[in-house]
Amino acid sequence: MGTISCCMVYLCFSALFRPPISSTEFLDSRVSDDLKREDRNGDCCRGIEHLELWGDAVKWGSEYKVNSSKDCCLACKGMCSDDSGPCLCDSWVFCGDKLACGDQFGECWLKKQKDTLEPEKRDSGDHVVWTSGVVFGRGEQGIVGFETRYGTFHVKLLPDCAPHSISYILELLASRHCVGCHFYRAESRGKSWDPEGNHIEHAPYGPPFALIQGTLGSYGTVFKDIPTEAFPTIRRGSVAWVDSGPEFFISLANHNEWNKAYTVFGFVLTEDMEIIERIAQLPAKPEVWSNINVAVLENPVPLHVRRIKRSVGNLKL
């Protein structure tokens, strides 16, 4: 009975975000806290296996060994100041396979990239024994622009929580296009959540579900299903995949009722949420997806992922 109940909950969450499978309008894909807060359990200190990042070493692994990739990640984070200044370390490389690493087992190399949004990769593949990760400090590091006709909103990426997700976003940045990326679903907070995203007592949890949904599946860019990554609680401004992507959504409310069901890979900066609210109010038509009432935009909103300028103004970081 417990197994059946878990399956029913999963199917319900998937149906909530899954569009009809009939159209060729969208790319073929499976519909897959406070995010600034550090994860105390270390769940947001992850890396990508079989990847070796290059870069200038700020601490040599031949002289510095730790017990796990998590410890190596935390060591890199420890070289970031609490203010908006740059991190002395923004990438790390760890060798954790005792047999394959040999004398290099436990080595933790802390490095500095010339460009954190385009980290220098030496090698990747099953033959690579290293695990690597990127760390974005506070301030402007790791912020990208999501450009729409209604304005550009800024998203702070979370490479330590969702390294595979951010790897794909960085591919989009490098390709300098996002042809086919767009928003196609938009639902307001309705009368269920207040302007700060807090749920109103005794109000239903939707519909509407207080979100905008779209795809980051870009024509010409190979998308591989994102593996399971960190599942922070969905908060107002959370940017998360639906299932394994490239379908994604941005939440307009705090959805504690979703019980950490989605991979969160970024959050929209507070002052840019007015753009998300504006898109959520655009004309939409009702549709039914797997017996769930949703609101689909009458006119999809094209989306492009851009690098931001060196200074983005007085952003509340």
Protein backbone atom coordinates (compact mmCIF):
# COMPACT_ATOMS: atom_id res chain seq x y z
CA MET A 1 0.00 0.00 0.00
CA GLY A 2 2.90 2.39 0.79
CA THR A 3 4.51 1.75 -2.60
CA ILE A 4 1.21 2.34 -4.41
CA SER A 5 0.65 5.60 -2.49
CA CYS A 6 4.13 6.91 -3.42
CA CYS A 7 3.51 6.07 -7.08
CA MET A 8 0.18 7.91 -7.03
CA VAL A 9 1.82 11.03 -5.53
CA TYR A 10 4.55 10.98 -8.21
CA LEU A 11 2.01 10.60 -11.01
CA CYS A 12 -0.02 13.51 -9.61
CA PHE A 13 3.02 15.83 -9.52
CA SER A 14 4.05 14.80 -13.04
CA ALA A 15 0.55 15.39 -14.39
CA LEU A 16 0.49 18.87 -12.85
CA PHE A 17 3.24 20.04 -15.21
CA ARG A 18 2.90 17.73 -18.23
CA PRO A 19 1.58 19.27 -21.46
CA PRO A 20 -0.24 17.15 -24.04
CA ILE A 21 2.14 15.02 -26.12
CA SER A 22 0.46 15.79 -29.41
CA SER A 23 2.36 18.76 -30.75
CA THR A 24 5.47 19.23 -32.78
CA GLU A 25 5.45 22.80 -31.53
CA PHE A 26 7.64 21.83 -28.59
CA LEU A 27 10.80 19.78 -28.57
CA ASP A 28 10.40 16.10 -27.82
CA SER A 29 11.15 15.85 -24.11
CA ARG A 30 9.85 14.29 -20.94
CA VAL A 31 8.11 16.61 -18.64
CA SER A 32 10.72 16.37 -15.78
CA ASP A 33 14.60 27.42 1.93
CA ASP A 34 15.15 30.13 0.55
CA LEU A 35 17.58 29.27 -2.16
CA LYS A 36 20.25 31.69 -1.09
CA ARG A 37 20.57 29.75 2.15
CA GLU A 38 23.37 27.19 2.41
CA ASP A 39 22.31 23.56 2.81
CA ARG A 40 23.43 22.46 6.27
CA ASN A 41 23.46 18.79 5.33
CA GLY A 42 25.87 19.40 2.48
CA ASP A 43 23.35 18.33 -0.13
CA CYS A 44 24.27 21.51 -1.99
CA CYS A 45 27.92 20.59 -2.31
CA ARG A 46 27.98 18.37 -5.35
CA GLY A 47 30.15 17.87 -8.39
CA ILE A 48 30.21 16.02 -11.69
CA GLU A 49 31.99 12.68 -11.81
CA HIS A 50 34.39 11.85 -14.64
CA LEU A 51 35.16 15.51 -15.25
CA GLU A 52 38.47 17.31 -14.77
CA LEU A 53 38.40 21.08 -14.70
CA TRP A 54 41.59 22.97 -15.41
CA GLY A 55 42.58 26.42 -14.16
CA ASP A 56 45.12 28.11 -11.94
CA ALA A 57 45.66 26.20 -8.69
CA VAL A 58 45.26 28.16 -5.47
CA LYS A 59 45.88 25.05 -3.36
CA TRP A 60 47.80 22.09 -4.77
CA GLY A 61 46.14 18.71 -4.39
CA SER A 62 49.47 16.94 -4.16
CA GLU A 63 49.85 18.70 -0.81
CA TYR A 64 46.21 18.75 0.25
CA LYS A 65 44.09 15.62 0.68
CA VAL A 66 40.54 15.22 2.02
CA ASN A 67 38.12 12.34 2.59
CA SER A 68 35.39 13.14 0.07
CA SER A 69 34.32 15.35 -2.82
CA LYS A 70 31.97 17.10 -0.39
CA ASP A 71 34.93 18.04 1.83
CA CYS A 72 36.79 19.34 -1.21
CA CYS A 73 33.78 21.42 -2.24
CA LEU A 74 33.40 22.83 1.27
CA ALA A 75 37.11 23.74 1.29
CA CYS A 76 36.59 25.76 -1.88
CA LYS A 77 33.51 27.44 -0.46
CA GLY A 78 35.51 28.30 2.63
CA MET A 79 37.69 30.55 0.48
CA CYS A 80 34.69 32.74 -0.40
CA SER A 81 34.07 35.80 1.77
CA ASP A 82 30.70 36.53 3.31
CA ASP A 83 30.38 39.85 1.51
CA SER A 84 30.01 40.50 -2.22
CA GLY A 85 33.72 40.17 -2.93
CA PRO A 86 35.15 37.53 -5.28
CA CYS A 87 35.98 34.00 -4.18
CA LEU A 88 39.64 33.07 -3.97
CA CYS A 89 38.52 29.60 -5.14
CA ASP A 90 35.73 29.04 -7.66
CA SER A 91 36.33 25.45 -8.78
CA TRP A 92 37.57 22.21 -7.26
CA VAL A 93 38.84 18.83 -8.47
CA PHE A 94 38.87 15.67 -6.33
CA CYS A 95 40.14 12.12 -6.89
CA GLY A 96 37.98 9.68 -4.94
CA ASP A 97 38.43 6.25 -6.56
CA LYS A 98 41.06 4.54 -4.41
CA LEU A 99 41.95 1.94 -7.03
CA ALA A 100 41.95 4.20 -10.08
CA CYS A 101 43.57 7.20 -8.36
CA GLY A 102 46.45 5.32 -6.80
CA ASP A 103 48.83 7.77 -5.13
CA GLN A 104 46.50 10.63 -6.09
CA PHE A 105 43.64 9.22 -4.00
CA GLY A 106 42.13 11.98 -1.85
CA GLU A 107 43.83 14.83 -3.69
CA CYS A 108 41.76 18.04 -3.62
CA TRP A 109 42.82 20.72 -6.06
CA LEU A 110 41.34 24.16 -5.44
CA LYS A 111 41.40 26.36 -8.52
CA LYS A 112 40.52 29.76 -9.94
CA GLN A 113 38.86 30.11 -13.35
CA LYS A 114 39.42 32.96 -15.76
CA ASP A 115 35.68 32.84 -16.47
CA THR A 116 33.34 31.04 -14.09
CA LEU A 117 30.58 30.97 -16.73
CA GLU A 118 32.94 29.19 -19.11
CA PRO A 119 35.14 26.99 -16.91
CA GLU A 120 38.20 25.47 -18.54
CA LYS A 121 37.71 21.73 -19.03
CA ARG A 122 40.74 19.50 -19.49
CA ASP A 123 38.99 16.16 -20.00
CA SER A 124 35.75 14.25 -19.45
CA GLY A 125 34.42 10.74 -19.96
CA ASP A 126 34.38 7.40 -18.17
CA HIS A 127 38.18 7.17 -18.31
CA VAL A 128 38.55 10.32 -16.19
CA VAL A 129 39.03 9.55 -12.47
CA TRP A 130 38.35 13.08 -11.22
CA THR A 131 35.17 14.69 -9.87
CA SER A 132 34.90 18.45 -10.37
CA GLY A 133 32.60 21.26 -9.35
CA VAL A 134 32.15 25.00 -9.62
CA VAL A 135 31.37 27.47 -6.83
CA PHE A 136 29.71 30.84 -7.42
CA GLY A 137 30.28 33.41 -4.72
CA ARG A 138 27.93 36.14 -3.64
CA GLY A 139 27.40 39.29 -5.66
CA GLU A 140 27.24 39.12 -9.43
CA GLN A 141 28.98 35.76 -9.79
CA GLY A 142 26.81 33.14 -11.45
CA ILE A 143 23.99 35.46 -12.51
CA VAL A 144 22.57 35.14 -16.03
CA GLY A 145 19.85 37.07 -17.80
CA PHE A 146 16.64 35.46 -19.08
CA GLU A 147 15.55 37.85 -21.83
CA THR A 148 11.90 38.24 -22.86
CA ARG A 149 9.90 40.90 -24.63
CA TYR A 150 8.59 41.96 -21.22
CA GLY A 151 12.05 42.58 -19.81
CA THR A 152 15.15 40.68 -18.74
CA PHE A 153 15.02 39.00 -15.36
CA HIS A 154 18.17 37.82 -13.63
CA VAL A 155 18.68 34.31 -12.29
CA LYS A 156 21.30 33.31 -9.74
CA LEU A 157 22.49 29.82 -10.66
CA LEU A 158 23.23 27.10 -8.09
CA PRO A 159 26.10 24.97 -9.43
CA ASP A 160 26.85 23.45 -6.03
CA CYS A 161 23.25 22.19 -5.67
CA ALA A 162 22.64 21.26 -9.31
CA PRO A 163 25.94 20.90 -11.22
CA HIS A 164 24.50 18.90 -14.13
CA SER A 165 21.72 21.46 -14.56
CA ILE A 166 24.14 24.38 -14.59
CA SER A 167 26.41 22.57 -17.04
CA TYR A 168 23.53 22.62 -19.51
CA ILE A 169 22.74 26.29 -18.86
CA LEU A 170 26.39 27.14 -19.51
CA GLU A 171 26.13 25.27 -22.83
CA LEU A 172 23.23 27.54 -23.78
CA LEU A 173 25.32 30.58 -22.87
CA ALA A 174 28.24 29.36 -24.97
CA SER A 175 26.00 28.68 -27.97
CA ARG A 176 24.73 32.29 -27.79
CA HIS A 177 21.23 31.31 -28.81
CA CYS A 178 18.22 29.54 -27.38
CA VAL A 179 16.10 28.92 -30.45
CA GLY A 180 12.87 27.25 -29.37
CA CYS A 181 13.13 28.33 -25.72
CA HIS A 182 9.88 29.92 -24.56
CA PHE A 183 7.18 30.16 -21.88
CA TYR A 184 3.85 28.56 -22.77
CA ARG A 185 1.95 28.32 -19.47
CA ALA A 186 1.14 31.12 -17.03
CA GLU A 187 -0.91 31.05 -13.83
CA SER A 188 -1.22 33.80 -11.24
CA ARG A 189 -1.22 33.52 -7.46
CA GLY A 190 -5.00 33.86 -7.54
CA LYS A 191 -6.53 34.12 -4.08
CA SER A 192 -4.40 31.36 -2.61
CA TRP A 193 -1.11 33.23 -1.95
CA ASP A 194 -0.28 36.75 -0.82
CA PRO A 195 2.18 39.04 -2.72
CA GLU A 196 5.10 37.64 -0.68
CA GLY A 197 4.20 34.12 -1.79
CA ASN A 198 2.78 32.96 1.54
CA HIS A 199 -0.20 30.62 1.42
CA ILE A 200 -3.44 32.11 2.68
CA GLU A 201 -5.02 30.05 5.43
CA HIS A 202 -7.88 27.78 4.31
CA ALA A 203 -7.38 28.76 0.65
CA PRO A 204 -7.01 25.99 -1.95
CA TYR A 205 -3.59 25.14 -3.40
CA GLY A 206 -4.74 25.70 -6.96
CA PRO A 207 -5.69 26.05 -9.68
CA PRO A 208 -4.25 28.52 -10.49
CA PHE A 209 -0.90 27.17 -9.31
CA ALA A 210 1.16 30.39 -9.14
CA LEU A 211 3.83 29.65 -11.73
CA ILE A 212 4.99 30.18 -15.27
CA GLN A 213 6.23 27.20 -17.25
CA GLY A 214 8.32 26.82 -20.36
CA THR A 215 11.09 24.90 -22.05
CA LEU A 216 14.85 25.40 -22.27
CA GLY A 217 15.09 22.82 -25.03
CA SER A 218 16.99 24.67 -27.74
CA TYR A 219 17.08 23.53 -31.35
CA GLY A 220 20.60 22.46 -32.26
CA THR A 221 21.64 21.86 -28.63
CA VAL A 222 21.76 18.27 -27.40
CA PHE A 223 19.79 17.84 -24.19
CA LYS A 224 20.38 14.87 -21.91
CA ASP A 225 17.95 14.16 -19.10
CA ILE A 226 19.14 15.88 -15.93
CA PRO A 227 19.91 13.31 -13.20
CA THR A 228 18.45 13.65 -9.73
CA GLU A 229 20.03 16.62 -7.95
CA ALA A 230 19.22 18.64 -4.82
CA PHE A 231 15.54 19.19 -3.98
CA PRO A 232 15.21 22.41 -1.97
CA THR A 233 11.71 23.52 -1.01
CA ILE A 234 10.05 25.50 -3.79
CA ARG A 235 9.98 29.19 -2.83
CA ARG A 236 8.78 32.30 -4.59
CA GLY A 237 11.35 32.85 -7.34
CA SER A 238 12.58 29.24 -7.50
CA VAL A 239 13.61 28.05 -10.97
CA ALA A 240 13.22 24.27 -11.25
CA TRP A 241 13.03 21.45 -13.76
CA VAL A 242 9.86 19.50 -14.40
CA ASP A 243 10.98 15.88 -14.08
CA SER A 244 14.31 15.65 -15.95
CA GLY A 245 13.93 18.78 -18.12
CA PRO A 246 14.14 20.62 -20.41
CA GLU A 247 10.66 21.69 -19.28
CA PHE A 248 11.00 24.05 -16.32
CA PHE A 249 8.97 26.45 -14.20
CA ILE A 250 9.37 29.56 -12.08
CA SER A 251 7.29 29.71 -8.93
CA LEU A 252 5.37 32.80 -7.84
CA ALA A 253 4.67 31.33 -4.39
CA ASN A 254 6.08 29.23 -1.57
CA HIS A 255 4.95 25.70 -2.37
CA ASN A 256 5.67 23.79 0.83
CA GLU A 257 2.92 21.36 -0.15
CA TRP A 258 5.09 20.05 -3.03
CA ASN A 259 7.47 18.56 -0.46
CA LYS A 260 10.80 19.03 -2.28
CA ALA A 261 9.64 17.26 -5.42
CA TYR A 262 11.69 19.19 -7.99
CA THR A 263 15.33 19.95 -8.79
CA VAL A 264 15.92 23.67 -8.17
CA PHE A 265 18.80 25.09 -10.19
CA GLY A 266 18.42 28.82 -9.58
CA PHE A 267 16.29 31.64 -8.26
CA VAL A 268 15.04 34.90 -9.72
CA LEU A 269 16.36 38.03 -8.02
CA THR A 270 13.69 39.69 -5.89
CA GLU A 271 13.35 42.94 -7.82
CA ASP A 272 12.85 41.07 -11.11
CA MET A 273 9.84 39.10 -9.90
CA GLU A 274 7.59 41.85 -11.26
CA ILE A 275 8.47 40.57 -14.75
CA ILE A 276 7.41 37.05 -13.76
CA GLU A 277 4.17 38.45 -12.32
CA ARG A 278 3.53 40.32 -15.56
CA ILE A 279 3.96 37.19 -17.68
CA ALA A 280 1.64 35.31 -15.31
CA GLN A 281 -1.12 37.85 -16.05
CA LEU A 282 -0.95 37.48 -19.86
CA PRO A 283 -4.05 36.20 -21.71
CA ALA A 284 -4.35 32.45 -21.40
CA LYS A 285 -6.80 29.75 -22.36
CA PRO A 286 -7.89 26.81 -20.18
CA GLU A 287 -6.69 23.31 -20.94
CA VAL A 288 -6.82 20.00 -19.12
CA TRP A 289 -3.61 18.00 -18.66
CA SER A 290 -4.18 14.56 -17.14
CA ASN A 291 -7.37 15.73 -15.43
CA ILE A 292 -5.73 18.89 -14.05
CA ASN A 293 -6.95 22.33 -15.12
CA VAL A 294 -4.12 24.56 -16.36
CA ALA A 295 -3.81 27.91 -18.17
CA VAL A 296 -1.87 27.97 -21.46
CA LEU A 297 -0.70 31.24 -22.94
CA GLU A 298 -2.56 32.37 -26.04
CA ASN A 299 0.78 33.58 -27.40
CA PRO A 300 3.96 31.83 -26.17
CA VAL A 301 6.70 34.14 -24.91
CA PRO A 302 10.13 33.57 -26.55
CA LEU A 303 13.06 33.33 -24.16
CA HIS A 304 16.82 33.78 -24.52
CA VAL A 305 19.57 33.08 -21.98
CA ARG A 306 22.22 35.82 -21.96
CA ARG A 307 25.34 36.78 -20.11
CA ILE A 308 24.90 39.97 -18.12
CA LYS A 309 27.13 43.01 -18.23
CA ARG A 310 29.86 43.38 -15.62
CA SER A 311 27.61 45.61 -13.53
CA VAL A 312 23.89 44.91 -13.30
CA GLY A 313 22.99 47.85 -11.11
CA ASN A 314 21.67 47.88 -7.59
CA LEU A 315 20.48 44.31 -7.44
CA LYS A 316 19.41 42.84 -4.12
CA LEU A 317 21.81 39.93 -4.06
